[in-house]
């Protein structure tokens, strides 16, 4: 496991494994690598705030959390910096480690057969008393981010010829478009040529 993933590990040893027990925590996760998409992400070194509520249930530990972070990126039209507040609620069930009917831990072979039976359902499991929060937090942040971040809904972008922002240019701004195929004829003077 990488050091960056260890930031998301949370030890639930304080939470009794009796159904109905509950604990609340406030976490500030200083992430070591960006969380998001290529255009906009919570940068490495920033903090993701997590208000965590853990409840013991018969199947495992129910996680309910409020996530808050600031994602940074660029507007896709004008390339100005963009900051997007991410505020999401998540709820996930972390199952206790699979055990055999006799109360002991199942072997890897039995767990593998059960894993194949689950098909595409991804279940989260506690690793002893450690809960890995990376998958639900990363999913919540990525799903909250826009695929095409804009500085404002009415952003006009940049002029393709001069690169200036359209909002700073006059309304009649235009460039003389010369077809590249005819550019070689521009130096010819037809008025002074002999007929």
N, C-alpha and C. Protein backbone atom coordinates (compact mmCIF):
# COMPACT_ATOMS: atom_id res chain seq x y z
N UNK A 1 0.84 -1.17 0.00
CA UNK A 1 0.00 0.00 0.00
C UNK A 1 0.89 1.23 0.00
N UNK A 2 0.57 2.19 -0.85
CA UNK A 2 1.39 3.38 -0.95
C UNK A 2 1.17 4.30 0.24
N UNK A 3 2.10 5.17 0.46
CA UNK A 3 2.02 6.12 1.57
C UNK A 3 0.84 7.06 1.37
N UNK A 4 0.53 7.40 0.11
CA UNK A 4 -0.59 8.29 -0.18
C UNK A 4 -1.92 7.66 0.22
N UNK A 5 -2.05 6.35 0.09
CA UNK A 5 -3.27 5.65 0.47
C UNK A 5 -3.42 5.54 1.98
N UNK A 6 -2.32 5.56 2.70
CA UNK A 6 -2.37 5.44 4.15
C UNK A 6 -3.04 6.64 4.81
N UNK A 7 -3.08 7.77 4.12
CA UNK A 7 -3.75 8.96 4.64
C UNK A 7 -5.23 8.67 4.87
N UNK A 8 -5.81 7.81 4.04
CA UNK A 8 -7.24 7.52 4.10
C UNK A 8 -7.60 6.39 5.06
N UNK A 9 -6.63 5.79 5.72
CA UNK A 9 -6.91 4.70 6.64
C UNK A 9 -7.37 5.25 7.98
N UNK A 10 -8.42 4.64 8.53
CA UNK A 10 -8.95 5.07 9.82
C UNK A 10 -9.16 3.86 10.70
N UNK A 11 -8.61 3.90 11.91
CA UNK A 11 -8.70 2.78 12.83
C UNK A 11 -9.98 2.91 13.67
N UNK A 12 -10.80 1.88 13.63
CA UNK A 12 -12.09 1.89 14.33
C UNK A 12 -12.03 1.14 15.66
N UNK A 13 -10.85 1.02 16.26
CA UNK A 13 -10.70 0.23 17.49
C UNK A 13 -11.55 0.77 18.64
N UNK A 14 -11.87 2.07 18.66
CA UNK A 14 -12.67 2.66 19.74
C UNK A 14 -14.15 2.29 19.64
N UNK A 15 -14.57 1.84 18.47
CA UNK A 15 -15.99 1.53 18.25
C UNK A 15 -16.27 0.07 18.62
N UNK A 16 -17.07 -0.16 19.67
CA UNK A 16 -17.40 -1.55 20.01
C UNK A 16 -18.16 -2.22 18.87
N UNK A 17 -17.98 -3.52 18.74
CA UNK A 17 -18.64 -4.26 17.66
C UNK A 17 -20.01 -4.79 18.08
N UNK A 18 -20.72 -4.03 18.87
CA UNK A 18 -22.08 -4.38 19.25
C UNK A 18 -23.02 -3.51 18.43
N UNK A 19 -24.05 -4.11 17.87
CA UNK A 19 -25.02 -3.36 17.06
C UNK A 19 -25.61 -2.23 17.89
N UNK A 20 -25.67 -1.06 17.30
CA UNK A 20 -26.24 0.11 17.96
C UNK A 20 -25.20 1.07 18.51
N UNK A 21 -23.95 0.68 18.62
CA UNK A 21 -22.90 1.57 19.11
C UNK A 21 -22.56 2.60 18.04
N UNK A 22 -22.23 3.83 18.46
CA UNK A 22 -21.94 4.89 17.51
C UNK A 22 -20.83 5.80 18.03
N UNK A 23 -20.00 6.28 17.12
CA UNK A 23 -18.95 7.25 17.44
C UNK A 23 -18.90 8.27 16.31
N UNK A 24 -18.57 9.52 16.68
CA UNK A 24 -18.43 10.58 15.68
C UNK A 24 -17.02 11.14 15.75
N UNK A 25 -16.47 11.48 14.58
CA UNK A 25 -15.11 11.99 14.48
C UNK A 25 -15.08 13.14 13.46
N UNK A 26 -14.11 14.02 13.63
CA UNK A 26 -13.83 15.05 12.63
C UNK A 26 -12.39 14.85 12.18
N UNK A 27 -12.23 14.62 10.87
CA UNK A 27 -10.91 14.35 10.32
C UNK A 27 -10.50 15.45 9.35
N UNK A 28 -9.24 15.79 9.34
CA UNK A 28 -8.64 16.65 8.32
C UNK A 28 -7.58 15.81 7.63
N UNK A 29 -7.88 15.35 6.42
CA UNK A 29 -6.97 14.48 5.68
C UNK A 29 -6.09 15.33 4.77
N UNK A 30 -4.81 15.44 5.10
CA UNK A 30 -3.85 16.16 4.25
C UNK A 30 -3.39 15.18 3.17
N UNK A 31 -3.93 15.34 1.98
CA UNK A 31 -3.68 14.36 0.92
C UNK A 31 -2.31 14.56 0.28
N UNK A 32 -1.73 13.47 -0.18
CA UNK A 32 -0.38 13.50 -0.75
C UNK A 32 -0.38 13.48 -2.26
N UNK A 33 -1.53 13.19 -2.87
CA UNK A 33 -1.63 13.22 -4.33
C UNK A 33 -3.00 13.80 -4.69
N UNK A 34 -3.13 14.39 -5.88
CA UNK A 34 -4.39 15.04 -6.25
C UNK A 34 -5.56 14.05 -6.27
N UNK A 35 -6.74 14.55 -5.90
CA UNK A 35 -7.97 13.76 -5.94
C UNK A 35 -8.93 14.50 -6.85
N UNK A 36 -9.24 13.90 -7.99
CA UNK A 36 -10.15 14.53 -8.94
C UNK A 36 -9.89 14.03 -10.35
N UNK A 37 -10.14 14.92 -11.30
CA UNK A 37 -9.92 14.60 -12.70
C UNK A 37 -8.82 15.50 -13.25
N UNK A 38 -8.42 15.29 -14.49
CA UNK A 38 -7.28 16.02 -15.05
C UNK A 38 -7.50 17.55 -15.07
N UNK A 39 -8.72 18.00 -15.35
CA UNK A 39 -8.98 19.43 -15.48
C UNK A 39 -9.17 20.15 -14.15
N UNK A 40 -9.68 19.44 -13.15
CA UNK A 40 -9.94 20.07 -11.85
C UNK A 40 -9.82 18.99 -10.77
N UNK A 41 -9.10 19.32 -9.69
CA UNK A 41 -8.87 18.33 -8.63
C UNK A 41 -8.53 19.05 -7.33
N UNK A 42 -8.68 18.33 -6.24
CA UNK A 42 -8.19 18.81 -4.95
C UNK A 42 -6.68 18.56 -5.00
N UNK A 43 -5.86 19.62 -4.98
CA UNK A 43 -4.42 19.43 -5.18
C UNK A 43 -3.74 18.72 -4.01
N UNK A 44 -2.63 18.11 -4.32
CA UNK A 44 -1.80 17.46 -3.30
C UNK A 44 -1.38 18.51 -2.29
N UNK A 45 -1.41 18.14 -1.01
CA UNK A 45 -1.04 19.06 0.05
C UNK A 45 -2.24 19.78 0.66
N UNK A 46 -3.37 19.80 -0.04
CA UNK A 46 -4.58 20.41 0.52
C UNK A 46 -5.26 19.44 1.48
N UNK A 47 -6.26 19.95 2.17
CA UNK A 47 -6.94 19.17 3.20
C UNK A 47 -8.37 18.85 2.75
N UNK A 48 -8.77 17.61 2.97
CA UNK A 48 -10.16 17.20 2.80
C UNK A 48 -10.72 17.04 4.20
N UNK A 49 -11.78 17.81 4.49
CA UNK A 49 -12.41 17.73 5.81
C UNK A 49 -13.50 16.67 5.76
N UNK A 50 -13.52 15.80 6.76
CA UNK A 50 -14.50 14.71 6.82
C UNK A 50 -15.13 14.70 8.21
N UNK A 51 -16.44 14.89 8.27
CA UNK A 51 -17.20 14.70 9.51
C UNK A 51 -17.76 13.29 9.44
N UNK A 52 -17.25 12.43 10.29
CA UNK A 52 -17.46 11.00 10.19
C UNK A 52 -18.37 10.51 11.32
N UNK A 53 -19.30 9.65 10.96
CA UNK A 53 -20.15 9.00 11.96
C UNK A 53 -20.11 7.50 11.68
N UNK A 54 -19.67 6.73 12.67
CA UNK A 54 -19.57 5.28 12.52
C UNK A 54 -20.58 4.62 13.44
N UNK A 55 -21.33 3.68 12.87
CA UNK A 55 -22.32 2.94 13.65
C UNK A 55 -22.06 1.45 13.48
N UNK A 56 -22.03 0.73 14.59
CA UNK A 56 -21.91 -0.72 14.52
C UNK A 56 -23.27 -1.30 14.18
N UNK A 57 -23.29 -2.16 13.17
CA UNK A 57 -24.49 -2.90 12.80
C UNK A 57 -24.10 -4.38 12.76
N UNK A 58 -25.06 -5.25 12.61
CA UNK A 58 -24.74 -6.68 12.67
C UNK A 58 -23.80 -7.13 11.56
N UNK A 59 -23.88 -6.52 10.38
CA UNK A 59 -23.05 -6.93 9.25
C UNK A 59 -21.66 -6.30 9.26
N UNK A 60 -21.51 -5.17 9.96
CA UNK A 60 -20.23 -4.47 9.94
C UNK A 60 -20.35 -3.10 10.56
N UNK A 61 -19.71 -2.12 9.92
CA UNK A 61 -19.72 -0.74 10.40
C UNK A 61 -20.30 0.14 9.30
N UNK A 62 -21.34 0.90 9.65
CA UNK A 62 -21.97 1.81 8.70
C UNK A 62 -21.30 3.17 8.83
N UNK A 63 -20.75 3.64 7.73
CA UNK A 63 -20.08 4.93 7.67
C UNK A 63 -21.04 5.94 7.07
N UNK A 64 -21.27 7.04 7.77
CA UNK A 64 -22.00 8.18 7.23
C UNK A 64 -21.06 9.36 7.37
N UNK A 65 -20.85 10.11 6.31
CA UNK A 65 -19.87 11.19 6.37
C UNK A 65 -20.29 12.37 5.51
N UNK A 66 -19.86 13.53 5.95
CA UNK A 66 -19.99 14.78 5.19
C UNK A 66 -18.57 15.15 4.78
N UNK A 67 -18.36 15.36 3.47
CA UNK A 67 -17.03 15.65 2.95
C UNK A 67 -17.01 17.08 2.43
N UNK A 68 -15.94 17.82 2.76
CA UNK A 68 -15.78 19.18 2.27
C UNK A 68 -14.34 19.36 1.78
N UNK A 69 -14.20 19.91 0.58
CA UNK A 69 -12.88 20.18 0.02
C UNK A 69 -12.99 21.29 -1.02
N UNK A 70 -11.87 21.86 -1.40
CA UNK A 70 -11.81 22.87 -2.45
C UNK A 70 -10.99 22.30 -3.60
N UNK A 71 -11.63 22.15 -4.76
CA UNK A 71 -10.94 21.67 -5.96
C UNK A 71 -10.48 22.87 -6.77
N UNK A 72 -9.33 22.74 -7.38
CA UNK A 72 -8.76 23.84 -8.18
C UNK A 72 -8.44 23.34 -9.57
N UNK A 73 -8.60 24.23 -10.54
CA UNK A 73 -8.30 23.87 -11.92
C UNK A 73 -8.34 25.11 -12.80
N UNK A 74 -8.61 24.90 -14.09
CA UNK A 74 -8.68 25.99 -15.06
C UNK A 74 -9.99 25.94 -15.81
N UNK A 75 -10.51 27.11 -16.15
CA UNK A 75 -11.69 27.20 -17.00
C UNK A 75 -11.32 26.65 -18.38
N UNK A 76 -12.17 25.82 -18.95
CA UNK A 76 -11.82 25.21 -20.24
C UNK A 76 -11.93 26.19 -21.39
N UNK A 77 -12.59 27.32 -21.18
CA UNK A 77 -12.75 28.30 -22.26
C UNK A 77 -11.72 29.42 -22.22
N UNK A 78 -11.45 29.97 -21.02
CA UNK A 78 -10.54 31.13 -20.95
C UNK A 78 -9.27 30.85 -20.18
N UNK A 79 -9.13 29.68 -19.58
CA UNK A 79 -7.95 29.25 -18.85
C UNK A 79 -7.69 30.02 -17.56
N UNK A 80 -8.68 30.77 -17.07
CA UNK A 80 -8.56 31.43 -15.77
C UNK A 80 -8.64 30.38 -14.67
N UNK A 81 -8.02 30.65 -13.52
CA UNK A 81 -8.11 29.68 -12.42
C UNK A 81 -9.56 29.55 -11.91
N UNK A 82 -9.92 28.35 -11.51
CA UNK A 82 -11.27 28.05 -11.03
C UNK A 82 -11.15 27.32 -9.70
N UNK A 83 -11.98 27.72 -8.74
CA UNK A 83 -12.08 27.01 -7.47
C UNK A 83 -13.51 26.52 -7.31
N UNK A 84 -13.66 25.24 -7.00
CA UNK A 84 -14.99 24.63 -6.86
C UNK A 84 -15.08 24.01 -5.48
N UNK A 85 -16.12 24.41 -4.74
CA UNK A 85 -16.35 23.82 -3.42
C UNK A 85 -17.02 22.46 -3.60
N UNK A 86 -16.46 21.46 -2.95
CA UNK A 86 -17.02 20.12 -2.99
C UNK A 86 -17.62 19.85 -1.61
N UNK A 87 -18.90 19.60 -1.58
CA UNK A 87 -19.57 19.27 -0.32
C UNK A 87 -20.53 18.12 -0.61
N UNK A 88 -20.18 16.94 -0.13
CA UNK A 88 -20.96 15.73 -0.43
C UNK A 88 -21.21 14.93 0.83
N UNK A 89 -22.31 14.20 0.82
CA UNK A 89 -22.60 13.23 1.88
C UNK A 89 -22.43 11.84 1.29
N UNK A 90 -21.84 10.96 2.08
CA UNK A 90 -21.68 9.57 1.64
C UNK A 90 -22.17 8.64 2.75
N UNK A 91 -22.53 7.45 2.35
CA UNK A 91 -22.91 6.41 3.30
C UNK A 91 -22.48 5.07 2.71
N UNK A 92 -21.68 4.34 3.45
CA UNK A 92 -21.15 3.06 2.98
C UNK A 92 -21.17 2.07 4.14
N UNK A 93 -21.36 0.81 3.81
CA UNK A 93 -21.29 -0.26 4.79
C UNK A 93 -19.96 -0.99 4.62
N UNK A 94 -19.17 -1.00 5.67
CA UNK A 94 -17.93 -1.76 5.69
C UNK A 94 -18.23 -3.06 6.43
N UNK A 95 -18.15 -4.17 5.73
CA UNK A 95 -18.45 -5.46 6.33
C UNK A 95 -17.25 -5.93 7.15
N UNK A 96 -17.56 -6.71 8.20
CA UNK A 96 -16.49 -7.34 8.95
C UNK A 96 -15.81 -8.35 8.05
N UNK A 97 -14.59 -8.74 8.38
CA UNK A 97 -13.87 -9.72 7.58
C UNK A 97 -14.69 -11.00 7.48
N UNK A 98 -14.71 -11.63 6.31
CA UNK A 98 -15.46 -12.89 6.17
C UNK A 98 -14.93 -13.94 7.13
N UNK A 99 -15.84 -14.64 7.80
CA UNK A 99 -15.44 -15.70 8.72
C UNK A 99 -16.17 -16.97 8.38
N UNK A 100 -15.63 -18.10 8.81
CA UNK A 100 -16.30 -19.39 8.60
C UNK A 100 -17.38 -19.56 9.66
N UNK A 101 -18.19 -20.61 9.55
CA UNK A 101 -19.28 -20.84 10.51
C UNK A 101 -18.76 -21.10 11.92
N UNK A 102 -17.52 -21.52 12.07
CA UNK A 102 -16.97 -21.84 13.39
C UNK A 102 -16.42 -20.61 14.10
N UNK A 103 -16.52 -19.46 13.45
CA UNK A 103 -16.09 -18.23 14.11
C UNK A 103 -14.70 -17.78 13.72
N UNK A 104 -13.90 -18.63 13.09
CA UNK A 104 -12.56 -18.24 12.67
C UNK A 104 -12.59 -17.54 11.32
N UNK A 105 -11.48 -16.92 10.97
CA UNK A 105 -11.40 -16.26 9.67
C UNK A 105 -11.41 -17.29 8.56
N UNK A 106 -12.06 -16.95 7.46
CA UNK A 106 -12.07 -17.86 6.30
C UNK A 106 -10.73 -17.81 5.61
N UNK A 107 -10.42 -18.88 4.96
CA UNK A 107 -9.20 -18.91 4.19
C UNK A 107 -9.36 -18.07 2.92
N UNK A 108 -8.26 -17.77 2.28
CA UNK A 108 -8.31 -16.95 1.06
C UNK A 108 -9.09 -17.63 -0.05
N UNK A 109 -9.04 -18.96 -0.09
CA UNK A 109 -9.75 -19.69 -1.15
C UNK A 109 -11.26 -19.50 -1.01
N UNK A 110 -11.79 -19.62 0.21
CA UNK A 110 -13.22 -19.42 0.45
C UNK A 110 -13.63 -17.99 0.15
N UNK A 111 -12.79 -17.04 0.53
CA UNK A 111 -13.09 -15.64 0.26
C UNK A 111 -13.08 -15.37 -1.24
N UNK A 112 -12.19 -16.03 -1.99
CA UNK A 112 -12.10 -15.87 -3.44
C UNK A 112 -13.38 -16.37 -4.10
N UNK A 113 -13.90 -17.53 -3.65
CA UNK A 113 -15.14 -18.06 -4.23
C UNK A 113 -16.29 -17.10 -3.99
N UNK A 114 -16.37 -16.54 -2.77
CA UNK A 114 -17.43 -15.58 -2.46
C UNK A 114 -17.26 -14.32 -3.30
N UNK A 115 -16.02 -13.89 -3.51
CA UNK A 115 -15.77 -12.69 -4.30
C UNK A 115 -16.26 -12.88 -5.73
N UNK A 116 -16.06 -14.09 -6.29
CA UNK A 116 -16.53 -14.37 -7.63
C UNK A 116 -18.05 -14.34 -7.69
N UNK A 117 -18.73 -14.76 -6.62
CA UNK A 117 -20.18 -14.77 -6.58
C UNK A 117 -20.75 -13.36 -6.56
N UNK A 118 -19.99 -12.40 -6.07
CA UNK A 118 -20.50 -11.04 -5.97
C UNK A 118 -20.56 -10.33 -7.31
N UNK A 119 -19.90 -10.88 -8.30
CA UNK A 119 -19.85 -10.32 -9.66
C UNK A 119 -19.35 -8.89 -9.60
N UNK A 120 -20.17 -7.94 -10.04
CA UNK A 120 -19.69 -6.57 -10.15
C UNK A 120 -19.93 -5.76 -8.87
N UNK A 121 -20.65 -6.31 -7.90
CA UNK A 121 -20.88 -5.58 -6.65
C UNK A 121 -19.58 -5.45 -5.89
N UNK A 122 -19.20 -4.21 -5.61
CA UNK A 122 -17.98 -4.00 -4.83
C UNK A 122 -18.38 -3.76 -3.39
N UNK A 123 -17.99 -4.67 -2.52
CA UNK A 123 -18.25 -4.50 -1.11
C UNK A 123 -16.98 -4.05 -0.43
N UNK A 124 -17.13 -3.22 0.56
CA UNK A 124 -15.99 -2.74 1.34
C UNK A 124 -15.88 -3.58 2.60
N UNK A 125 -14.66 -3.96 2.95
CA UNK A 125 -14.42 -4.76 4.14
C UNK A 125 -13.46 -4.04 5.07
N UNK A 126 -13.65 -4.23 6.36
CA UNK A 126 -12.69 -3.75 7.34
C UNK A 126 -11.47 -4.66 7.29
N UNK A 127 -10.30 -4.10 7.43
CA UNK A 127 -9.08 -4.89 7.53
C UNK A 127 -8.71 -4.93 9.00
N UNK A 128 -9.23 -5.93 9.71
CA UNK A 128 -9.11 -5.95 11.17
C UNK A 128 -10.02 -4.87 11.72
N UNK A 129 -9.44 -3.82 12.28
CA UNK A 129 -10.24 -2.69 12.73
C UNK A 129 -9.98 -1.45 11.88
N UNK A 130 -9.24 -1.60 10.79
CA UNK A 130 -8.87 -0.47 9.93
C UNK A 130 -9.85 -0.36 8.77
N UNK A 131 -10.32 0.85 8.56
CA UNK A 131 -11.26 1.17 7.49
C UNK A 131 -10.53 2.03 6.46
N UNK A 132 -10.57 1.64 5.20
CA UNK A 132 -9.94 2.41 4.13
C UNK A 132 -10.99 3.33 3.52
N UNK A 133 -10.85 4.64 3.75
CA UNK A 133 -11.84 5.63 3.30
C UNK A 133 -11.58 6.14 1.89
N UNK A 134 -10.50 5.70 1.26
CA UNK A 134 -10.10 6.27 -0.02
C UNK A 134 -11.15 6.11 -1.11
N UNK A 135 -11.69 4.93 -1.29
CA UNK A 135 -12.63 4.68 -2.40
C UNK A 135 -13.88 5.54 -2.28
N UNK A 136 -14.59 5.54 -1.14
CA UNK A 136 -15.79 6.38 -1.09
C UNK A 136 -15.51 7.87 -1.16
N UNK A 137 -14.41 8.33 -0.56
CA UNK A 137 -14.10 9.77 -0.60
C UNK A 137 -13.71 10.17 -2.02
N UNK A 138 -12.84 9.40 -2.66
CA UNK A 138 -12.42 9.71 -4.03
C UNK A 138 -13.62 9.69 -4.98
N UNK A 139 -14.48 8.68 -4.85
CA UNK A 139 -15.68 8.60 -5.70
C UNK A 139 -16.59 9.80 -5.50
N UNK A 140 -16.81 10.19 -4.25
CA UNK A 140 -17.70 11.32 -3.96
C UNK A 140 -17.16 12.61 -4.55
N UNK A 141 -15.87 12.83 -4.43
CA UNK A 141 -15.27 14.07 -4.96
C UNK A 141 -15.31 14.08 -6.48
N UNK A 142 -14.89 12.99 -7.10
CA UNK A 142 -14.86 12.92 -8.57
C UNK A 142 -16.27 13.10 -9.15
N UNK A 143 -17.26 12.48 -8.53
CA UNK A 143 -18.63 12.59 -9.05
C UNK A 143 -19.22 13.97 -8.85
N UNK A 144 -18.68 14.76 -7.93
CA UNK A 144 -19.19 16.11 -7.68
C UNK A 144 -18.53 17.15 -8.58
N UNK A 145 -17.42 16.81 -9.21
CA UNK A 145 -16.69 17.77 -10.04
C UNK A 145 -17.28 17.82 -11.45
N UNK A 146 -17.32 19.03 -12.04
CA UNK A 146 -17.80 19.11 -13.43
C UNK A 146 -16.75 18.55 -14.39
N UNK A 147 -17.22 17.93 -15.46
CA UNK A 147 -16.29 17.39 -16.46
C UNK A 147 -15.60 18.52 -17.22
N UNK A 148 -16.31 19.64 -17.40
CA UNK A 148 -15.76 20.81 -18.09
C UNK A 148 -15.93 22.04 -17.21
N UNK A 149 -14.93 22.32 -16.35
CA UNK A 149 -15.07 23.45 -15.42
C UNK A 149 -15.07 24.79 -16.14
N UNK A 150 -15.96 25.69 -15.70
CA UNK A 150 -16.05 27.03 -16.25
C UNK A 150 -15.91 28.05 -15.12
N UNK A 151 -15.31 29.22 -15.43
CA UNK A 151 -15.19 30.27 -14.43
C UNK A 151 -16.56 30.90 -14.18
N UNK A 152 -17.41 30.93 -15.21
CA UNK A 152 -18.80 31.38 -15.09
C UNK A 152 -19.59 30.76 -16.23
N UNK A 153 -20.90 30.68 -16.06
CA UNK A 153 -21.72 30.06 -17.11
C UNK A 153 -21.66 30.85 -18.41
N UNK A 154 -21.48 32.16 -18.32
CA UNK A 154 -21.45 33.00 -19.51
C UNK A 154 -20.06 33.26 -20.05
N UNK A 155 -19.08 32.47 -19.67
CA UNK A 155 -17.70 32.68 -20.14
C UNK A 155 -17.65 32.53 -21.66
N UNK A 156 -17.09 33.54 -22.32
CA UNK A 156 -17.01 33.54 -23.78
C UNK A 156 -15.73 32.88 -24.31
N UNK A 157 -14.74 32.74 -23.45
CA UNK A 157 -13.50 32.10 -23.88
C UNK A 157 -12.50 33.08 -24.46
N UNK A 158 -11.63 32.57 -25.32
CA UNK A 158 -10.56 33.36 -25.91
C UNK A 158 -10.76 33.50 -27.41
N UNK A 159 -10.28 34.62 -27.97
CA UNK A 159 -10.28 34.80 -29.42
C UNK A 159 -9.28 33.80 -30.00
N UNK A 160 -9.68 33.00 -30.97
CA UNK A 160 -8.77 31.98 -31.51
C UNK A 160 -7.58 32.56 -32.28
N UNK A 161 -7.70 33.82 -32.73
CA UNK A 161 -6.61 34.41 -33.51
C UNK A 161 -5.57 35.12 -32.65
N UNK A 162 -6.04 35.96 -31.70
CA UNK A 162 -5.08 36.74 -30.91
C UNK A 162 -4.92 36.21 -29.49
N UNK A 163 -5.83 35.37 -29.00
CA UNK A 163 -5.70 34.78 -27.68
C UNK A 163 -6.19 35.65 -26.53
N UNK A 164 -6.74 36.81 -26.82
CA UNK A 164 -7.29 37.68 -25.78
C UNK A 164 -8.66 37.18 -25.36
N UNK A 165 -9.05 37.51 -24.13
CA UNK A 165 -10.38 37.12 -23.65
C UNK A 165 -11.44 37.93 -24.39
N UNK A 166 -12.50 37.26 -24.86
CA UNK A 166 -13.56 37.94 -25.60
C UNK A 166 -14.21 39.04 -24.77
N UNK A 167 -14.32 38.87 -23.45
CA UNK A 167 -15.00 39.88 -22.63
C UNK A 167 -14.21 41.18 -22.54
N UNK A 168 -12.90 41.16 -22.81
CA UNK A 168 -12.08 42.37 -22.79
C UNK A 168 -11.99 43.04 -24.16
N UNK A 169 -12.44 42.36 -25.20
CA UNK A 169 -12.33 42.89 -26.56
C UNK A 169 -13.60 43.64 -26.95
N UNK A 170 -13.49 44.63 -27.86
CA UNK A 170 -14.70 45.32 -28.32
C UNK A 170 -15.61 44.36 -29.09
N UNK A 171 -16.88 44.71 -29.17
CA UNK A 171 -17.84 43.81 -29.82
C UNK A 171 -17.56 43.63 -31.30
N UNK A 172 -16.97 44.64 -31.95
CA UNK A 172 -16.70 44.53 -33.39
C UNK A 172 -15.31 43.93 -33.67
N UNK A 173 -14.69 43.34 -32.66
CA UNK A 173 -13.37 42.76 -32.83
C UNK A 173 -13.40 41.63 -33.87
N UNK A 174 -12.48 41.72 -34.83
CA UNK A 174 -12.38 40.69 -35.87
C UNK A 174 -10.97 40.72 -36.44
N UNK A 175 -10.59 39.63 -37.04
CA UNK A 175 -9.29 39.53 -37.72
C UNK A 175 -9.57 39.22 -39.17
N UNK A 176 -8.74 39.81 -40.03
CA UNK A 176 -8.91 39.54 -41.46
C UNK A 176 -8.44 38.12 -41.72
N UNK A 177 -9.36 37.33 -42.20
CA UNK A 177 -9.04 35.93 -42.46
C UNK A 177 -8.54 35.77 -43.89
N UNK A 178 -7.30 35.28 -44.02
CA UNK A 178 -6.71 35.03 -45.32
C UNK A 178 -6.56 33.53 -45.47
N UNK A 179 -7.10 33.02 -46.55
CA UNK A 179 -7.01 31.58 -46.82
C UNK A 179 -5.54 31.26 -47.11
N UNK A 180 -4.99 30.33 -46.42
CA UNK A 180 -3.57 29.97 -46.55
C UNK A 180 -3.22 29.54 -47.97
N UNK A 181 -4.18 29.01 -48.71
CA UNK A 181 -3.90 28.55 -50.07
C UNK A 181 -3.64 29.73 -51.02
N UNK A 182 -4.19 30.91 -50.68
CA UNK A 182 -4.02 32.09 -51.53
C UNK A 182 -2.98 33.06 -50.98
N UNK A 183 -2.37 32.75 -49.86
CA UNK A 183 -1.43 33.66 -49.21
C UNK A 183 -0.23 33.99 -50.11
N UNK A 184 0.20 33.08 -50.95
CA UNK A 184 1.34 33.32 -51.84
C UNK A 184 1.05 34.39 -52.89
N UNK A 185 -0.20 34.62 -53.22
CA UNK A 185 -0.56 35.62 -54.22
C UNK A 185 -0.66 37.03 -53.65
N UNK A 186 -0.54 37.15 -52.34
CA UNK A 186 -0.73 38.43 -51.68
C UNK A 186 0.31 39.46 -52.12
N UNK A 187 1.51 39.05 -52.49
CA UNK A 187 2.56 39.97 -52.87
C UNK A 187 2.47 40.41 -54.33
N UNK A 188 1.58 39.86 -55.12
CA UNK A 188 1.46 40.23 -56.53
C UNK A 188 0.71 41.54 -56.68
N UNK A 189 1.23 42.37 -57.63
CA UNK A 189 0.58 43.65 -57.90
C UNK A 189 0.00 43.57 -59.30
N UNK A 190 -1.31 43.33 -59.40
CA UNK A 190 -1.95 43.17 -60.70
C UNK A 190 -2.21 44.49 -61.40
N UNK A 191 -2.23 45.59 -60.69
CA UNK A 191 -2.54 46.91 -61.29
C UNK A 191 -1.37 47.41 -62.15
N UNK A 192 -0.17 47.12 -61.76
CA UNK A 192 0.98 47.64 -62.49
C UNK A 192 1.60 46.57 -63.39
N UNK A 193 0.92 45.53 -63.69
CA UNK A 193 1.50 44.51 -64.54
C UNK A 193 1.17 44.81 -66.00
N UNK A 194 2.12 44.53 -66.95
CA UNK A 194 1.84 44.77 -68.37
C UNK A 194 0.82 43.75 -68.89
N UNK A 195 -0.05 44.21 -69.78
CA UNK A 195 -1.07 43.32 -70.31
C UNK A 195 -0.65 42.75 -71.62
